[in-house]
Amino acid sequence: MFDRPAAGSGAAQGAILVQLDFGEKDFAERLEEFRLLATSAGAVPLDAVHGKRGSPDPATFAGKGKVQQIKDAATLHGADIIIFNHELSPGQQRNLEREIGLRVVDRSALILDIFAQRARSHEGKLQVELAQLEHLATRLVRGWTHLERQKGGIGLRGPGEKQLETDRRLLGKRVAMLKDRLKTLERQRQVRRRARARSEVLSVSLVGYTNAGKSTLFNALTKAGAYAANQLFATLDTTSRRLFIPDAGQVVISDTVGFIRDLPHSLVAAFHATLEETAKADLLLHVVDASSPDRDQQMAAVAGVLGEIGAGEVPQVLVWNKIDATHAAPGVERDEYGKIARVRVSAISGAGLDMLRAALSEIARERARPMDAPADAGTA
C-alpha cells in the first residue's frame, strides 16, 4: 500500500501499479524501480497489484480474476490510471481499458512519457517524439476514440492523438521528417567525431544504469554544471567536455542517457545516433551504484544495451560509485594482466576521484604509446 495523494495535489494522477511475477529474479527490486518510474512520470501510486502467472493472458495479460482485482483496487482508491510494468499489446491494452473503465499505460509508454518530460535539447525532443509516434502507430485503430477526450496526462504527452487518429498519413509524414532531421544531426556529429579522431584526443563515455550517478561524476571531473538529480533519467542529452589530465593531456568526456532493463526498442532506435557516440568511444567508464542491492542485474542490463548499440567490445573500466553509502575505501583494482578493471569512488564526496584521474592518465598514455615501443618501467 502506498500513501494517498495529498488534497489539492494538482495534476498528479492516482495510479494502481500492476506487476506480475513470471518467475524472474529480483521481483522486489523491480517493483521498487517501477514505483520510482511511475513517480517520475507524475503519478501518485495508490496501491500495487501483483501475483504469479506462468505466462501472460492473451486477451488481458493479467487474466480475468486479476483484472477484477485491479478494478476493485481502482474503485477503492479512486484511481485515475492503471500502469503495468510490462509491455502490453494494443489488443490487451484496449481490452483492459474496456474491462476496468480507466486508461491503461504499459511500461514502454511510461518510459516514453518520462523522456517526453525530460528532453531539453532540440535533438533530444526529436528523438523522443519519433519513439512516441512509432509506439503510437501500432495503437491507432478504431475503438480508441476515448483518447480524443483525454487532454494530457501520463502516456499522452507529446503527439496529439486526435489529429493523428484523424489522418494516419500525417503520422507517416511526420515520422519521415523526424528521421530526416535526425540523420542531418547525425552527419554533423560524425564530422565533429572525425575532427576529434584526427587530433588523437582520447574519447571517454560515461555509461551506466539510470540514477547510478553519471552526471554527478561528470560534473565532479569536468566542473561542467550538467543537470544532475536523484531521479530516473535526469539526463537525456549527451554532453561533452574537454578535461586536462596531467601527464596525458586533453581527453573528451561525454555524459550519456542512463540505461534501464527492458528499455523500449523504439527508444533505442530513436536514440541510436546519440548512443553511437558511445559505440565510437575509445573507453567506457561504466558507472555502477555500488550501494544498490540490484547492482548485478543493473550491470547486466547495461551490458545488454551496449551490445544492442554495437558498443559491447569497447574497452571498459568499472567505476564503483557511491562508496560513501557502503563505507568502502576508495581504490583501484586490476585484472590478471595488470590493467585497470575497477575504480572505487564517491562522486558526491570526491573520494577516489584522484585515483580515477590517474587511471585515465595511465590509459591515455598507454593508448598514445606506439605499439612497438617498450612500456615505461613504472607503468603497471
Protein backbone atom coordinates (compact mmCIF):
# COMPACT_ATOMS: atom_id res chain seq x y z
CA MET A 1 0.00 0.00 0.00
CA PHE A 2 1.27 3.47 -0.86
CA ASP A 3 0.39 6.88 0.53
CA ARG A 4 -2.69 8.61 -0.79
CA PRO A 5 -2.17 11.84 -2.75
CA ALA A 6 -2.47 14.93 -0.61
CA ALA A 7 -5.53 17.06 -1.03
CA GLY A 8 -5.02 19.68 -3.71
CA SER A 9 -2.02 17.82 -5.12
CA GLY A 10 -2.53 19.42 -8.52
CA ALA A 11 -2.27 17.44 -11.74
CA ALA A 12 -0.80 14.31 -10.09
CA GLN A 13 -2.68 11.20 -11.15
CA GLY A 14 -3.53 8.49 -8.67
CA ALA A 15 -2.30 5.18 -10.06
CA ILE A 16 -2.73 1.47 -9.43
CA LEU A 17 0.56 -0.25 -10.25
CA VAL A 18 0.44 -3.76 -11.70
CA GLN A 19 3.42 -6.09 -11.75
CA LEU A 20 3.03 -9.82 -12.29
CA ASP A 21 5.63 -12.42 -11.35
CA PHE A 22 6.55 -14.74 -14.22
CA GLY A 23 9.41 -16.30 -12.27
CA GLU A 24 12.05 -13.60 -12.82
CA LYS A 25 14.59 -12.84 -10.13
CA ASP A 26 14.66 -9.65 -8.04
CA PHE A 27 10.87 -9.12 -8.01
CA ALA A 28 11.04 -6.70 -5.06
CA GLU A 29 13.74 -4.56 -6.69
CA ARG A 30 11.77 -4.45 -9.94
CA LEU A 31 8.67 -3.32 -8.06
CA GLU A 32 10.60 -0.53 -6.30
CA GLU A 33 12.11 0.62 -9.62
CA PHE A 34 8.60 0.56 -11.12
CA ARG A 35 7.32 2.77 -8.31
CA LEU A 36 10.15 5.25 -8.99
CA LEU A 37 9.32 5.24 -12.71
CA ALA A 38 5.66 5.95 -12.01
CA THR A 39 6.53 8.73 -9.58
CA SER A 40 8.98 10.22 -12.08
CA ALA A 41 6.16 10.41 -14.63
CA GLY A 42 3.96 12.36 -12.21
CA ALA A 43 1.83 9.53 -10.84
CA VAL A 44 0.95 9.04 -7.19
CA PRO A 45 0.98 5.28 -6.54
CA LEU A 46 -2.10 4.34 -4.52
CA ASP A 47 -1.73 0.58 -4.45
CA ALA A 48 0.19 -2.23 -6.13
CA VAL A 49 -1.44 -5.37 -7.52
CA HIS A 50 0.76 -8.37 -8.12
CA GLY A 51 0.57 -12.14 -8.39
CA LYS A 52 2.22 -15.13 -10.03
CA ARG A 53 1.45 -16.39 -13.51
CA GLY A 54 3.02 -18.96 -15.77
CA SER A 55 2.51 -16.79 -18.86
CA PRO A 56 0.58 -13.67 -19.90
CA ASP A 57 -3.11 -13.98 -20.72
CA PRO A 58 -3.52 -13.38 -24.49
CA ALA A 59 -6.59 -11.17 -24.06
CA THR A 60 -5.87 -9.09 -20.94
CA PHE A 61 -2.31 -10.04 -19.99
CA ALA A 62 -3.36 -10.41 -16.32
CA GLY A 63 -6.31 -12.84 -16.54
CA LYS A 64 -9.95 -12.41 -15.57
CA GLY A 65 -9.55 -12.71 -11.79
CA LYS A 66 -6.59 -10.35 -11.62
CA VAL A 67 -8.33 -7.79 -13.83
CA GLN A 68 -11.25 -7.78 -11.37
CA GLN A 69 -8.78 -7.28 -8.51
CA ILE A 70 -7.26 -4.32 -10.35
CA LYS A 71 -10.71 -2.86 -10.97
CA ASP A 72 -11.68 -3.25 -7.30
CA ALA A 73 -8.44 -1.57 -6.16
CA ALA A 74 -9.02 1.31 -8.58
CA THR A 75 -12.58 1.79 -7.30
CA LEU A 76 -11.49 1.58 -3.65
CA HIS A 77 -8.76 4.21 -4.03
CA GLY A 78 -10.43 6.42 -6.65
CA ALA A 79 -7.57 5.88 -9.10
CA ASP A 80 -7.20 7.84 -12.33
CA ILE A 81 -4.95 5.44 -14.23
CA ILE A 82 -3.66 1.85 -14.29
CA ILE A 83 0.05 1.34 -15.02
CA PHE A 84 1.52 -2.05 -15.96
CA ASN A 85 5.21 -2.79 -15.50
CA HIS A 86 5.01 -4.93 -18.63
CA GLU A 87 4.77 -4.49 -22.40
CA LEU A 88 1.11 -4.76 -23.47
CA SER A 89 -0.11 -5.48 -26.97
CA PRO A 90 -2.59 -2.94 -28.42
CA GLY A 91 -5.35 -5.54 -28.07
CA GLN A 92 -4.55 -6.27 -24.43
CA GLN A 93 -4.47 -2.57 -23.64
CA ARG A 94 -7.86 -1.97 -25.27
CA ASN A 95 -9.42 -4.97 -23.54
CA LEU A 96 -8.12 -3.85 -20.15
CA GLU A 97 -9.48 -0.34 -20.62
CA ARG A 98 -12.84 -1.75 -21.64
CA GLU A 99 -12.98 -4.05 -18.58
CA ILE A 100 -11.66 -1.59 -15.99
CA GLY A 101 -13.09 1.64 -17.35
CA LEU A 102 -9.85 3.59 -16.89
CA ARG A 103 -6.88 4.43 -19.07
CA VAL A 104 -4.16 1.76 -19.03
CA VAL A 105 -0.49 2.55 -19.67
CA ASP A 106 2.26 -0.04 -20.19
CA ARG A 107 5.95 0.15 -19.31
CA SER A 108 7.06 1.42 -22.71
CA ALA A 109 4.53 4.27 -22.72
CA LEU A 110 5.53 5.13 -19.14
CA ILE A 111 9.23 5.43 -20.02
CA LEU A 112 8.42 7.36 -23.20
CA ASP A 113 6.35 9.77 -21.12
CA ILE A 114 9.27 10.42 -18.75
CA PHE A 115 11.56 11.03 -21.74
CA ALA A 116 8.98 13.46 -23.18
CA GLN A 117 9.09 15.46 -19.95
CA ARG A 118 12.89 15.44 -19.62
CA ALA A 119 14.11 16.11 -23.17
CA ARG A 120 15.72 19.55 -23.33
CA SER A 121 17.79 19.76 -26.50
CA HIS A 122 16.34 20.04 -29.98
CA GLU A 123 17.74 16.65 -30.93
CA GLY A 124 16.51 15.02 -27.73
CA LYS A 125 12.98 16.26 -28.37
CA LEU A 126 13.07 14.96 -31.94
CA GLN A 127 14.29 11.56 -30.76
CA VAL A 128 11.59 11.24 -28.12
CA GLU A 129 8.83 12.34 -30.49
CA LEU A 130 9.96 9.78 -33.07
CA ALA A 131 9.85 7.00 -30.47
CA GLN A 132 6.41 8.13 -29.27
CA LEU A 133 4.97 8.24 -32.77
CA GLU A 134 6.27 4.80 -33.63
CA HIS A 135 4.83 3.41 -30.40
CA LEU A 136 1.53 5.17 -31.06
CA ALA A 137 1.33 3.95 -34.66
CA THR A 138 0.52 0.41 -33.50
CA ARG A 139 -2.40 1.72 -31.46
CA LEU A 140 -4.18 3.95 -33.97
CA VAL A 141 -7.20 1.78 -34.65
CA ARG A 142 -10.94 2.21 -34.37
CA GLY A 143 -12.18 1.86 -30.81
CA TRP A 144 -9.71 4.28 -29.32
CA THR A 145 -11.93 7.35 -29.60
CA HIS A 146 -11.75 7.73 -25.80
CA LEU A 147 -8.26 9.17 -26.32
CA GLU A 148 -9.79 12.16 -28.09
CA ARG A 149 -11.42 13.22 -24.85
CA GLN A 150 -8.19 12.97 -22.85
CA LYS A 151 -6.04 16.05 -22.51
CA GLY A 152 -2.50 15.40 -21.32
CA GLY A 153 -1.60 13.01 -18.57
CA ILE A 154 0.79 10.07 -18.36
CA GLY A 155 1.24 8.42 -21.71
CA LEU A 156 -0.46 11.25 -23.56
CA ARG A 157 2.22 13.95 -23.53
CA GLY A 158 3.78 14.79 -26.86
CA PRO A 159 2.00 13.93 -30.12
CA GLY A 160 -1.67 14.87 -30.41
CA GLU A 161 -3.70 11.67 -30.65
CA LYS A 162 -6.86 13.25 -32.04
CA GLN A 163 -5.06 14.77 -35.00
CA LEU A 164 -3.14 11.57 -35.66
CA GLU A 165 -6.28 9.45 -35.38
CA THR A 166 -7.92 11.67 -37.99
CA ASP A 167 -5.18 11.27 -40.53
CA ARG A 168 -2.81 8.32 -40.47
CA ARG A 169 -0.89 9.80 -43.40
CA LEU A 170 0.12 12.71 -41.19
CA LEU A 171 1.85 10.28 -38.84
CA GLY A 172 3.86 8.73 -41.68
CA LYS A 173 4.92 12.13 -42.99
CA ARG A 174 5.91 13.33 -39.52
CA VAL A 175 7.95 10.18 -38.84
CA ALA A 176 9.78 10.56 -42.18
CA MET A 177 10.51 14.23 -41.47
CA LEU A 178 11.85 13.43 -37.97
CA LYS A 179 14.12 10.71 -39.35
CA ASP A 180 15.49 13.13 -41.99
CA ARG A 181 16.25 15.78 -39.36
CA LEU A 182 17.94 13.26 -37.09
CA LYS A 183 20.07 12.00 -39.99
CA THR A 184 21.25 15.56 -40.62
CA LEU A 185 22.20 15.96 -36.96
CA GLU A 186 23.94 12.59 -37.07
CA ARG A 187 26.07 13.70 -40.05
CA GLN A 188 27.07 16.84 -38.14
CA ARG A 189 28.10 14.70 -35.17
CA GLN A 190 30.18 12.45 -37.42
CA VAL A 191 32.10 15.49 -38.68
CA ARG A 192 32.87 16.51 -35.09
CA ARG A 193 33.86 12.95 -34.22
CA ARG A 194 36.28 12.74 -37.17
CA ALA A 195 37.86 16.03 -36.10
CA ARG A 196 38.43 14.62 -32.61
CA ALA A 197 39.89 11.42 -34.07
CA ARG A 198 42.34 13.43 -36.20
CA SER A 199 43.52 15.27 -33.10
CA GLU A 200 44.07 11.89 -31.39
CA VAL A 201 42.24 13.00 -28.26
CA LEU A 202 41.10 10.12 -26.03
CA SER A 203 37.30 9.87 -26.18
CA VAL A 204 35.63 8.65 -22.97
CA SER A 205 31.91 7.99 -22.50
CA LEU A 206 30.17 7.58 -19.15
CA VAL A 207 27.60 4.80 -19.30
CA GLY A 208 25.53 3.10 -16.64
CA TYR A 209 22.14 2.33 -15.24
CA THR A 210 19.83 5.29 -14.73
CA ASN A 211 20.50 7.11 -11.44
CA ALA A 212 23.92 5.47 -10.97
CA GLY A 213 25.49 8.92 -10.58
CA LYS A 214 26.92 9.52 -14.06
CA SER A 215 26.07 13.22 -14.23
CA THR A 216 27.33 13.85 -10.69
CA LEU A 217 30.61 12.16 -11.62
CA PHE A 218 30.75 14.08 -14.92
CA ASN A 219 30.35 17.37 -13.03
CA ALA A 220 32.92 16.38 -10.41
CA LEU A 221 35.51 15.59 -13.10
CA THR A 222 34.82 18.44 -15.52
CA LYS A 223 33.13 21.16 -13.40
CA ALA A 224 30.58 21.31 -16.23
CA GLY A 225 27.48 22.01 -14.16
CA ALA A 226 25.38 19.48 -16.08
CA TYR A 227 21.95 18.78 -14.61
CA ALA A 228 22.10 16.03 -12.00
CA ALA A 229 19.30 14.84 -9.74
CA ASN A 230 18.38 11.82 -7.64
CA GLN A 231 15.78 10.64 -10.14
CA LEU A 232 15.47 8.24 -13.03
CA PHE A 233 16.54 9.61 -16.44
CA ALA A 234 17.70 13.01 -15.17
CA THR A 235 20.00 13.17 -18.21
CA LEU A 236 18.77 12.55 -21.77
CA ASP A 237 21.03 14.79 -23.82
CA THR A 238 24.66 13.85 -24.41
CA THR A 239 27.03 16.49 -23.02
CA SER A 240 30.75 16.50 -23.86
CA ARG A 241 33.57 18.44 -22.22
CA ARG A 242 37.35 18.51 -22.58
CA LEU A 243 39.29 17.55 -19.49
CA PHE A 244 43.02 18.13 -18.96
CA ILE A 245 44.71 15.12 -17.38
CA PRO A 246 48.24 15.67 -16.01
CA ASP A 247 50.90 13.69 -17.91
CA ALA A 248 48.34 12.75 -20.59
CA GLY A 249 46.91 15.99 -21.96
CA GLN A 250 43.34 16.53 -23.14
CA VAL A 251 40.59 13.90 -23.11
CA VAL A 252 36.96 14.33 -24.15
CA ILE A 253 34.41 13.01 -21.65
CA SER A 254 30.75 12.53 -22.63
CA ASP A 255 27.80 12.09 -20.29
CA THR A 256 25.04 9.94 -21.82
CA VAL A 257 21.47 8.85 -21.16
CA GLY A 258 21.10 6.22 -18.46
CA PHE A 259 20.01 2.70 -19.36
CA ILE A 260 17.32 0.59 -17.74
CA ARG A 261 16.20 -3.01 -18.06
CA ASP A 262 13.60 -3.64 -20.76
CA LEU A 263 14.32 -0.29 -22.40
CA PRO A 264 11.75 0.13 -25.20
CA HIS A 265 13.27 -0.83 -28.57
CA SER A 266 11.70 2.27 -30.15
CA LEU A 267 13.74 4.42 -27.75
CA VAL A 268 16.97 2.57 -28.50
CA ALA A 269 16.29 3.02 -32.22
CA ALA A 270 15.38 6.71 -31.89
CA PHE A 271 18.43 7.46 -29.74
CA HIS A 272 20.71 5.37 -31.95
CA ALA A 273 22.58 8.37 -33.34
CA THR A 274 23.24 9.73 -29.85
CA LEU A 275 24.13 6.32 -28.48
CA GLU A 276 26.52 5.82 -31.39
CA GLU A 277 28.76 8.33 -29.61
CA THR A 278 29.17 5.60 -27.01
CA ALA A 279 29.96 2.91 -29.57
CA LYS A 280 32.66 5.12 -31.15
CA ALA A 281 34.34 6.00 -27.85
CA ASP A 282 37.87 4.84 -27.06
CA LEU A 283 36.90 3.97 -23.48
CA LEU A 284 33.71 3.45 -21.49
CA LEU A 285 33.52 4.31 -17.82
CA HIS A 286 30.70 2.04 -16.64
CA VAL A 287 29.34 3.83 -13.57
CA VAL A 288 27.74 1.44 -11.07
CA ASP A 289 25.69 2.31 -7.99
CA ALA A 290 27.72 0.21 -5.53
CA SER A 291 25.05 0.74 -2.85
CA SER A 292 22.24 -0.84 -4.88
CA PRO A 293 21.22 -4.40 -3.90
CA ASP A 294 20.23 -4.84 -7.55
CA ARG A 295 23.60 -3.78 -8.98
CA ASP A 296 24.44 -7.12 -10.67
CA GLN A 297 21.16 -7.11 -12.61
CA GLN A 298 21.65 -3.42 -13.44
CA MET A 299 25.13 -4.12 -14.80
CA ALA A 300 23.72 -6.96 -16.91
CA ALA A 301 21.02 -4.63 -18.29
CA VAL A 302 23.67 -2.05 -19.26
CA ALA A 303 25.75 -4.76 -20.94
CA GLY A 304 22.66 -5.82 -22.91
CA VAL A 305 22.02 -2.31 -24.23
CA LEU A 306 25.71 -1.79 -25.04
CA GLY A 307 25.60 -4.96 -27.12
CA GLU A 308 22.45 -3.78 -28.87
CA ILE A 309 24.05 -0.48 -29.95
CA GLY A 310 27.33 -2.07 -31.02
CA ALA A 311 29.39 -0.91 -28.05
CA GLY A 312 29.88 -4.28 -26.41
CA GLU A 313 33.53 -4.54 -27.48
CA VAL A 314 34.62 -1.02 -26.46
CA PRO A 315 37.26 -1.16 -23.66
CA GLN A 316 35.59 -0.62 -20.32
CA VAL A 317 36.51 0.32 -16.75
CA LEU A 318 34.01 -0.13 -13.94
CA VAL A 319 33.54 2.91 -11.70
CA TRP A 320 32.15 1.66 -8.39
CA ASN A 321 30.30 4.84 -7.35
CA LYS A 322 28.53 5.85 -4.10
CA ILE A 323 31.09 4.19 -1.82
CA ASP A 324 30.13 6.85 0.74
CA ALA A 325 26.91 4.84 1.20
CA THR A 326 28.72 1.50 1.53
CA HIS A 327 31.66 2.66 3.68
CA ALA A 328 34.08 1.05 1.21
CA ALA A 329 37.53 2.59 0.80
CA PRO A 330 38.48 4.31 -2.46
CA GLY A 331 40.86 2.28 -4.55
CA VAL A 332 41.90 0.77 -7.88
CA GLU A 333 41.52 -2.90 -8.80
CA ARG A 334 43.43 -4.53 -11.66
CA ASP A 335 42.81 -7.65 -13.71
CA GLU A 336 45.20 -10.59 -14.12
CA TYR A 337 47.06 -8.69 -16.85
CA GLY A 338 47.68 -5.67 -14.64
CA LYS A 339 45.18 -3.47 -16.49
CA ILE A 340 42.79 -1.24 -14.54
CA ALA A 341 39.44 -3.01 -14.14
CA ARG A 342 37.63 -1.08 -11.41
CA VAL A 343 37.96 2.20 -9.54
CA ARG A 344 36.06 2.79 -6.29
CA VAL A 345 34.87 6.40 -5.89
CA SER A 346 32.25 8.69 -4.45
CA ALA A 347 31.25 11.39 -6.92
CA ILE A 348 29.43 13.22 -4.09
CA SER A 349 32.30 13.38 -1.58
CA GLY A 350 35.12 13.32 -4.12
CA ALA A 351 36.77 10.27 -2.56
CA GLY A 352 38.78 8.32 -5.12
CA LEU A 353 38.45 10.89 -7.92
CA ASP A 354 42.21 11.47 -7.89
CA MET A 355 42.63 7.73 -8.49
CA LEU A 356 40.16 7.85 -11.38
CA ARG A 357 42.05 10.75 -12.97
CA ALA A 358 45.29 8.82 -12.55
CA ALA A 359 43.64 5.79 -14.17
CA LEU A 360 42.55 7.91 -17.15
CA SER A 361 46.07 9.29 -17.41
CA GLU A 362 47.53 5.78 -17.46
CA ILE A 363 45.06 4.61 -20.11
CA ALA A 364 45.64 7.71 -22.27
CA ARG A 365 49.43 7.27 -22.11
CA GLU A 366 49.13 3.59 -22.96
CA ARG A 367 46.95 4.43 -25.97
CA ALA A 368 49.37 7.10 -27.17
CA ARG A 369 52.40 4.82 -26.87
CA PRO A 370 53.44 3.25 -30.21
CA MET A 371 52.68 -0.47 -30.33
CA ASP A 372 56.33 -1.45 -30.66
CA ALA A 373 57.64 0.93 -28.01
CA PRO A 374 58.63 -0.56 -24.64
CA ALA A 375 56.45 0.36 -21.66
CA ASP A 376 57.91 2.72 -19.09
CA ALA A 377 59.45 0.95 -16.16
CA GLY A 378 56.87 2.47 -13.83
CA THR A 379 53.86 1.57 -15.89
CA ALA A 380 51.73 -1.24 -14.45
